[in-house]
């Protein structure tokens, strides 16, 4: 599939009684993402996470259109098409094990318990997450292993659009290489959009890297 954003605008209102101005997180952003891996880089506050959440159908924009294969896609449609791995890997049930979480979220994505666990096992091996950690309570995992579980959840969906927001955070060198392998394999059948503060890892993952500043893409990064 191909995805396109045209003139995306997102404005977050200022907190009540703060006296601050509203935050314009996206300021008429245009983006095209076809087969393969597209990288997005920019400083904190540049709008990367807002862009990813808009493409994932998690937030509504205040203007602009997102198209999937040339057809306008609303938030409900985008949630069907996109798998999103957030930069903060804590959106799980802390008292459940990693495997129980993955079975639950797999069921929401239409996977049987067996399919979810089979996928989790294969992905965990590539990311070097041990079987013991899969059975560990989520809140007892290290930050890096929480990130691996978050990545497994996203890759397991095999969605047409995979959105990875700072996916290398907290991973050691071997796990980073495993993630790069998964990204390359997934890009054969899906559109992958990835962000990272590491220029080296981002360029290792993506065939093209765009620069985002103040809610606008300003061109290809050097």
C-alpha atoms as a PDB file:
ATOM      1  CA  UNK A   1       0.000   0.000   0.000  1.00  0.00           C
ATOM      2  CA  UNK A   2       0.891   3.669  -0.223  1.00  0.00           C
ATOM      3  CA  UNK A   3       0.080   6.271   2.407  1.00  0.00           C
ATOM      4  CA  UNK A   4      -0.057  10.032   2.007  1.00  0.00           C
ATOM      5  CA  UNK A   5      -0.666  12.928   4.375  1.00  0.00           C
ATOM      6  CA  UNK A   6      -1.831  16.243   2.932  1.00  0.00           C
ATOM      7  CA  UNK A   7      -1.762  19.432   4.938  1.00  0.00           C
ATOM      8  CA  UNK A   8      -2.006  17.837   8.387  1.00  0.00           C
ATOM      9  CA  UNK A   9      -2.692  20.334  11.164  1.00  0.00           C
ATOM     10  CA  UNK A  10      -2.869  19.549  14.862  1.00  0.00           C
ATOM     11  CA  UNK A  11      -3.255  22.203  17.538  1.00  0.00           C
ATOM     12  CA  UNK A  12      -3.268  21.330  21.237  1.00  0.00           C
ATOM     13  CA  UNK A  13      -5.091  23.883  23.399  1.00  0.00           C
ATOM     14  CA  UNK A  14      -3.199  25.518  26.244  1.00  0.00           C
ATOM     15  CA  UNK A  15      -4.019  24.326  29.784  1.00  0.00           C
ATOM     16  CA  UNK A  16      -6.863  26.252  31.368  1.00  0.00           C
ATOM     17  CA  UNK A  17      -5.700  29.396  33.203  1.00  0.00           C
ATOM     18  CA  UNK A  18      -2.105  28.805  32.102  1.00  0.00           C
ATOM     19  CA  UNK A  19      -1.906  31.957  30.007  1.00  0.00           C
ATOM     20  CA  UNK A  20       0.093  29.998  27.443  1.00  0.00           C
ATOM     21  CA  UNK A  21      -0.595  29.953  23.728  1.00  0.00           C
ATOM     22  CA  UNK A  22      -2.016  26.837  22.036  1.00  0.00           C
ATOM     23  CA  UNK A  23       0.635  24.450  20.717  1.00  0.00           C
ATOM     24  CA  UNK A  24       0.687  23.981  16.960  1.00  0.00           C
ATOM     25  CA  UNK A  25       2.199  20.490  16.799  1.00  0.00           C
ATOM     26  CA  UNK A  26       1.625  19.947  13.071  1.00  0.00           C
ATOM     27  CA  UNK A  27       1.548  22.928  10.756  1.00  0.00           C
ATOM     28  CA  UNK A  28       0.259  21.781   7.376  1.00  0.00           C
ATOM     29  CA  UNK A  29       2.472  18.710   7.037  1.00  0.00           C
ATOM     30  CA  UNK A  30       2.716  16.751   3.770  1.00  0.00           C
ATOM     31  CA  UNK A  31       4.151  13.234   3.617  1.00  0.00           C
ATOM     32  CA  UNK A  32       4.286  10.325   1.191  1.00  0.00           C
ATOM     33  CA  UNK A  33       5.260   6.821   2.280  1.00  0.00           C
ATOM     34  CA  UNK A  34       5.384   3.945  -0.156  1.00  0.00           C
ATOM     35  CA  UNK A  35       6.739   0.429   0.146  1.00  0.00           C
ATOM     36  CA  UNK A  36       9.921   0.200   2.193  1.00  0.00           C
ATOM     37  CA  UNK A  37      11.210   2.114   5.198  1.00  0.00           C
ATOM     38  CA  UNK A  38      10.873   5.861   5.630  1.00  0.00           C
ATOM     39  CA  UNK A  39      12.843   7.562   8.403  1.00  0.00           C
ATOM     40  CA  UNK A  40      11.762  10.729  10.221  1.00  0.00           C
ATOM     41  CA  UNK A  41      14.134  12.708  12.406  1.00  0.00           C
ATOM     42  CA  UNK A  42      13.882  15.957  14.342  1.00  0.00           C
ATOM     43  CA  UNK A  43      14.425  17.454  17.779  1.00  0.00           C
ATOM     44  CA  UNK A  44      12.142  16.849  20.742  1.00  0.00           C
ATOM     45  CA  UNK A  45       8.937  18.802  20.246  1.00  0.00           C
ATOM     46  CA  UNK A  46       9.203  18.811  16.455  1.00  0.00           C
ATOM     47  CA  UNK A  47       5.942  16.868  16.048  1.00  0.00           C
ATOM     48  CA  UNK A  48       7.184  13.326  15.376  1.00  0.00           C
ATOM     49  CA  UNK A  49       5.009  11.585  17.953  1.00  0.00           C
ATOM     50  CA  UNK A  50       1.969  13.667  16.975  1.00  0.00           C
ATOM     51  CA  UNK A  51       2.509  12.667  13.344  1.00  0.00           C
ATOM     52  CA  UNK A  52       2.782   8.990  14.254  1.00  0.00           C
ATOM     53  CA  UNK A  53      -0.366   9.097  16.391  1.00  0.00           C
ATOM     54  CA  UNK A  54      -2.265  10.825  13.587  1.00  0.00           C
ATOM     55  CA  UNK A  55      -1.160   8.193  11.052  1.00  0.00           C
ATOM     56  CA  UNK A  56      -2.131   5.458  13.522  1.00  0.00           C
ATOM     57  CA  UNK A  57      -5.621   6.923  13.986  1.00  0.00           C
ATOM     58  CA  UNK A  58      -5.023   7.510  17.686  1.00  0.00           C
ATOM     59  CA  UNK A  59      -5.646  11.251  17.536  1.00  0.00           C
ATOM     60  CA  UNK A  60      -7.836  13.349  15.267  1.00  0.00           C
ATOM     61  CA  UNK A  61      -6.159  16.128  13.327  1.00  0.00           C
ATOM     62  CA  UNK A  62      -7.612  19.632  13.079  1.00  0.00           C
ATOM     63  CA  UNK A  63      -7.026  19.834   9.359  1.00  0.00           C
ATOM     64  CA  UNK A  64      -5.713  17.920   6.384  1.00  0.00           C
ATOM     65  CA  UNK A  65      -6.277  14.434   5.000  1.00  0.00           C
ATOM     66  CA  UNK A  66      -4.598  11.040   5.253  1.00  0.00           C
ATOM     67  CA  UNK A  67      -4.970   8.727   2.270  1.00  0.00           C
ATOM     68  CA  UNK A  68      -4.405   4.987   1.963  1.00  0.00           C
ATOM     69  CA  UNK A  69      -3.872   3.897  -1.635  1.00  0.00           C
ATOM     70  CA  UNK A  70      -5.406   7.160  -2.787  1.00  0.00           C
ATOM     71  CA  UNK A  71      -8.567   6.952  -0.666  1.00  0.00           C
ATOM     72  CA  UNK A  72      -9.240   9.181   2.333  1.00  0.00           C
ATOM     73  CA  UNK A  73      -8.859   7.187   5.552  1.00  0.00           C
ATOM     74  CA  UNK A  74     -10.546   8.286   8.770  1.00  0.00           C
ATOM     75  CA  UNK A  75      -9.256   7.377  12.230  1.00  0.00           C
ATOM     76  CA  UNK A  76     -11.216   4.127  12.373  1.00  0.00           C
ATOM     77  CA  UNK A  77      -9.772   2.982   9.045  1.00  0.00           C
ATOM     78  CA  UNK A  78      -6.251   3.963  10.088  1.00  0.00           C
ATOM     79  CA  UNK A  79      -6.562   1.941  13.294  1.00  0.00           C
ATOM     80  CA  UNK A  80      -7.378  -1.081  11.109  1.00  0.00           C
ATOM     81  CA  UNK A  81      -4.394  -0.501   8.832  1.00  0.00           C
ATOM     82  CA  UNK A  82      -1.673   0.656  11.229  1.00  0.00           C
ATOM     83  CA  UNK A  83       0.352  -0.892  14.032  1.00  0.00           C
ATOM     84  CA  UNK A  84       1.971   1.670  16.321  1.00  0.00           C
ATOM     85  CA  UNK A  85       4.898   1.151  18.673  1.00  0.00           C
ATOM     86  CA  UNK A  86       5.070   4.205  20.975  1.00  0.00           C
ATOM     87  CA  UNK A  87       8.256   5.687  22.344  1.00  0.00           C
ATOM     88  CA  UNK A  88       7.080   4.898  25.896  1.00  0.00           C
ATOM     89  CA  UNK A  89       6.658   1.106  26.236  1.00  0.00           C
ATOM     90  CA  UNK A  90       4.398   1.153  29.298  1.00  0.00           C
ATOM     91  CA  UNK A  91       0.908   0.795  27.779  1.00  0.00           C
ATOM     92  CA  UNK A  92       0.472  -2.742  29.114  1.00  0.00           C
ATOM     93  CA  UNK A  93      -1.185  -4.503  32.042  1.00  0.00           C
ATOM     94  CA  UNK A  94       1.562  -4.472  34.644  1.00  0.00           C
ATOM     95  CA  UNK A  95       0.319  -7.414  36.743  1.00  0.00           C
ATOM     96  CA  UNK A  96       0.113  -9.739  33.746  1.00  0.00           C
ATOM     97  CA  UNK A  97       3.122 -11.477  32.280  1.00  0.00           C
ATOM     98  CA  UNK A  98       4.589 -10.351  28.983  1.00  0.00           C
ATOM     99  CA  UNK A  99       3.122 -13.452  27.302  1.00  0.00           C
ATOM    100  CA  UNK A 100      -0.339 -12.830  28.805  1.00  0.00           C
ATOM    101  CA  UNK A 101      -0.229  -9.252  27.568  1.00  0.00           C
ATOM    102  CA  UNK A 102       0.741 -10.413  24.082  1.00  0.00           C
ATOM    103  CA  UNK A 103      -2.079 -12.979  24.012  1.00  0.00           C
ATOM    104  CA  UNK A 104      -4.561 -10.292  25.047  1.00  0.00           C
ATOM    105  CA  UNK A 105      -3.431  -7.704  22.508  1.00  0.00           C
ATOM    106  CA  UNK A 106      -3.088 -10.412  19.869  1.00  0.00           C
ATOM    107  CA  UNK A 107      -6.740 -11.330  20.398  1.00  0.00           C
ATOM    108  CA  UNK A 108      -7.719  -7.703  19.854  1.00  0.00           C
ATOM    109  CA  UNK A 109      -5.857  -7.881  16.530  1.00  0.00           C
ATOM    110  CA  UNK A 110      -7.652 -11.081  15.526  1.00  0.00           C
ATOM    111  CA  UNK A 111      -4.931 -13.580  16.457  1.00  0.00           C
ATOM    112  CA  UNK A 112      -5.686 -16.821  18.266  1.00  0.00           C
ATOM    113  CA  UNK A 113      -3.789 -17.516  21.486  1.00  0.00           C
ATOM    114  CA  UNK A 114      -1.631 -20.027  19.630  1.00  0.00           C
ATOM    115  CA  UNK A 115      -0.852 -17.605  16.805  1.00  0.00           C
ATOM    116  CA  UNK A 116      -0.008 -14.822  19.252  1.00  0.00           C
ATOM    117  CA  UNK A 117       2.373 -17.013  21.248  1.00  0.00           C
ATOM    118  CA  UNK A 118       4.010 -18.509  18.149  1.00  0.00           C
ATOM    119  CA  UNK A 119       4.632 -15.030  16.735  1.00  0.00           C
ATOM    120  CA  UNK A 120       5.865 -13.783  20.108  1.00  0.00           C
ATOM    121  CA  UNK A 121       8.329 -16.645  20.396  1.00  0.00           C
ATOM    122  CA  UNK A 122       9.864 -16.030  16.979  1.00  0.00           C
ATOM    123  CA  UNK A 123      10.093 -12.272  17.455  1.00  0.00           C
ATOM    124  CA  UNK A 124      11.457 -12.640  20.984  1.00  0.00           C
ATOM    125  CA  UNK A 125      14.268 -14.819  19.686  1.00  0.00           C
ATOM    126  CA  UNK A 126      15.267 -12.214  17.109  1.00  0.00           C
ATOM    127  CA  UNK A 127      15.146  -9.424  19.704  1.00  0.00           C
ATOM    128  CA  UNK A 128      16.934 -11.582  22.298  1.00  0.00           C
ATOM    129  CA  UNK A 129      14.108 -11.604  24.807  1.00  0.00           C
ATOM    130  CA  UNK A 130      14.390 -14.828  26.804  1.00  0.00           C
ATOM    131  CA  UNK A 131      11.513 -17.309  27.372  1.00  0.00           C
ATOM    132  CA  UNK A 132      11.856 -16.570  31.090  1.00  0.00           C
ATOM    133  CA  UNK A 133      11.248 -12.871  30.477  1.00  0.00           C
ATOM    134  CA  UNK A 134       8.186 -13.675  28.362  1.00  0.00           C
ATOM    135  CA  UNK A 135       6.709 -15.348  31.445  1.00  0.00           C
ATOM    136  CA  UNK A 136       7.774 -12.545  33.810  1.00  0.00           C
ATOM    137  CA  UNK A 137       5.289  -9.980  35.111  1.00  0.00           C
ATOM    138  CA  UNK A 138       5.451  -6.907  32.912  1.00  0.00           C
ATOM    139  CA  UNK A 139       6.239  -4.528  35.775  1.00  0.00           C
ATOM    140  CA  UNK A 140       9.275  -6.651  36.694  1.00  0.00           C
ATOM    141  CA  UNK A 141      10.897  -6.339  33.282  1.00  0.00           C
ATOM    142  CA  UNK A 142      13.769  -3.980  32.584  1.00  0.00           C
ATOM    143  CA  UNK A 143      13.043  -0.905  30.485  1.00  0.00           C
ATOM    144  CA  UNK A 144      14.797  -2.502  27.524  1.00  0.00           C
ATOM    145  CA  UNK A 145      12.742  -5.690  27.794  1.00  0.00           C
ATOM    146  CA  UNK A 146       9.544  -3.662  28.088  1.00  0.00           C
ATOM    147  CA  UNK A 147      10.542  -2.077  24.796  1.00  0.00           C
ATOM    148  CA  UNK A 148      11.028  -5.510  23.246  1.00  0.00           C
ATOM    149  CA  UNK A 149       7.533  -6.588  24.327  1.00  0.00           C
ATOM    150  CA  UNK A 150       6.113  -3.398  22.827  1.00  0.00           C
ATOM    151  CA  UNK A 151       7.919  -4.127  19.560  1.00  0.00           C
ATOM    152  CA  UNK A 152       6.665  -7.725  19.533  1.00  0.00           C
ATOM    153  CA  UNK A 153       3.087  -6.502  19.952  1.00  0.00           C
ATOM    154  CA  UNK A 154       3.447  -4.155  16.973  1.00  0.00           C
ATOM    155  CA  UNK A 155       5.239  -6.560  14.628  1.00  0.00           C
ATOM    156  CA  UNK A 156       2.815  -9.386  15.453  1.00  0.00           C
ATOM    157  CA  UNK A 157      -0.066  -7.523  13.828  1.00  0.00           C
ATOM    158  CA  UNK A 158       1.593  -7.666  10.381  1.00  0.00           C
ATOM    159  CA  UNK A 159      -0.217  -4.462   9.510  1.00  0.00           C
ATOM    160  CA  UNK A 160       0.104  -2.676   6.143  1.00  0.00           C
ATOM    161  CA  UNK A 161       1.515   0.355   7.991  1.00  0.00           C
ATOM    162  CA  UNK A 162       4.029  -0.077  10.818  1.00  0.00           C
ATOM    163  CA  UNK A 163       4.873   3.033  12.845  1.00  0.00           C
ATOM    164  CA  UNK A 164       7.943   2.787  15.099  1.00  0.00           C
ATOM    165  CA  UNK A 165       8.516   5.809  17.338  1.00  0.00           C
ATOM    166  CA  UNK A 166      12.041   5.662  18.835  1.00  0.00           C
ATOM    167  CA  UNK A 167      12.093   1.838  18.664  1.00  0.00           C
ATOM    168  CA  UNK A 168      15.831   1.477  19.410  1.00  0.00           C
ATOM    169  CA  UNK A 169      15.540   3.142  22.823  1.00  0.00           C
ATOM    170  CA  UNK A 170      16.769   0.919  25.644  1.00  0.00           C
ATOM    171  CA  UNK A 171      18.047  -1.856  23.361  1.00  0.00           C
ATOM    172  CA  UNK A 172      21.589  -3.205  23.471  1.00  0.00           C
ATOM    173  CA  UNK A 173      23.672  -3.516  20.294  1.00  0.00           C
ATOM    174  CA  UNK A 174      22.661  -7.114  19.524  1.00  0.00           C
ATOM    175  CA  UNK A 175      18.961  -6.345  20.000  1.00  0.00           C
ATOM    176  CA  UNK A 176      19.299  -3.265  17.794  1.00  0.00           C
ATOM    177  CA  UNK A 177      20.684  -5.456  15.025  1.00  0.00           C
ATOM    178  CA  UNK A 178      17.808  -7.880  15.517  1.00  0.00           C
ATOM    179  CA  UNK A 179      15.353  -5.006  15.212  1.00  0.00           C
ATOM    180  CA  UNK A 180      17.016  -3.791  12.012  1.00  0.00           C
ATOM    181  CA  UNK A 181      16.591  -7.314  10.623  1.00  0.00           C
ATOM    182  CA  UNK A 182      12.886  -7.302  11.511  1.00  0.00           C
ATOM    183  CA  UNK A 183      12.388  -3.875   9.948  1.00  0.00           C
ATOM    184  CA  UNK A 184      14.014  -4.962   6.681  1.00  0.00           C
ATOM    185  CA  UNK A 185      11.918  -8.140   6.538  1.00  0.00           C
ATOM    186  CA  UNK A 186       8.668  -6.324   7.352  1.00  0.00           C
ATOM    187  CA  UNK A 187       9.371  -3.651   4.715  1.00  0.00           C
ATOM    188  CA  UNK A 188       9.080  -6.301   2.003  1.00  0.00           C
ATOM    189  CA  UNK A 189       5.301  -6.374   2.502  1.00  0.00           C
ATOM    190  CA  UNK A 190       4.448  -3.259   4.565  1.00  0.00           C
ATOM    191  CA  UNK A 191       5.128   0.452   4.741  1.00  0.00           C
ATOM    192  CA  UNK A 192       7.388   1.164   7.722  1.00  0.00           C
ATOM    193  CA  UNK A 193       7.877   4.646   9.168  1.00  0.00           C
ATOM    194  CA  UNK A 194      10.515   4.925  11.883  1.00  0.00           C
ATOM    195  CA  UNK A 195      11.938   7.736  14.008  1.00  0.00           C
ATOM    196  CA  UNK A 196      15.135   7.793  16.053  1.00  0.00           C
ATOM    197  CA  UNK A 197      17.502  10.244  17.693  1.00  0.00           C
ATOM    198  CA  UNK A 198      20.349   8.047  16.419  1.00  0.00           C
ATOM    199  CA  UNK A 199      21.318   9.158  12.895  1.00  0.00           C
ATOM    200  CA  UNK A 200      23.353   5.989  12.403  1.00  0.00           C
ATOM    201  CA  UNK A 201      20.538   3.597  13.298  1.00  0.00           C
ATOM    202  CA  UNK A 202      17.959   5.595  11.393  1.00  0.00           C
ATOM    203  CA  UNK A 203      20.043   5.502   8.219  1.00  0.00           C
ATOM    204  CA  UNK A 204      20.745   1.817   8.719  1.00  0.00           C
ATOM    205  CA  UNK A 205      16.996   1.190   8.839  1.00  0.00           C
ATOM    206  CA  UNK A 206      15.602   3.586   6.228  1.00  0.00           C
ATOM    207  CA  UNK A 207      16.216   4.113   2.538  1.00  0.00           C
ATOM    208  CA  UNK A 208      15.175   7.748   2.947  1.00  0.00           C
ATOM    209  CA  UNK A 209      15.212  10.087   5.948  1.00  0.00           C
ATOM    210  CA  UNK A 210      13.101  13.251   6.239  1.00  0.00           C
ATOM    211  CA  UNK A 211      13.712  16.133   8.640  1.00  0.00           C
ATOM    212  CA  UNK A 212      10.838  17.410  10.774  1.00  0.00           C
ATOM    213  CA  UNK A 213      10.964  20.790  12.489  1.00  0.00           C
ATOM    214  CA  UNK A 214       8.174  22.759  14.176  1.00  0.00           C
ATOM    215  CA  UNK A 215       5.493  20.495  12.749  1.00  0.00           C
ATOM    216  CA  UNK A 216       6.656  20.633   9.129  1.00  0.00           C
ATOM    217  CA  UNK A 217       8.827  18.411   6.995  1.00  0.00           C
ATOM    218  CA  UNK A 218      11.619  20.599   5.681  1.00  0.00           C
ATOM    219  CA  UNK A 219      13.169  18.109   3.270  1.00  0.00           C
ATOM    220  CA  UNK A 220      15.484  15.156   3.234  1.00  0.00           C
ATOM    221  CA  UNK A 221      18.074  14.922   5.986  1.00  0.00           C
ATOM    222  CA  UNK A 222      21.715  14.827   4.992  1.00  0.00           C
END
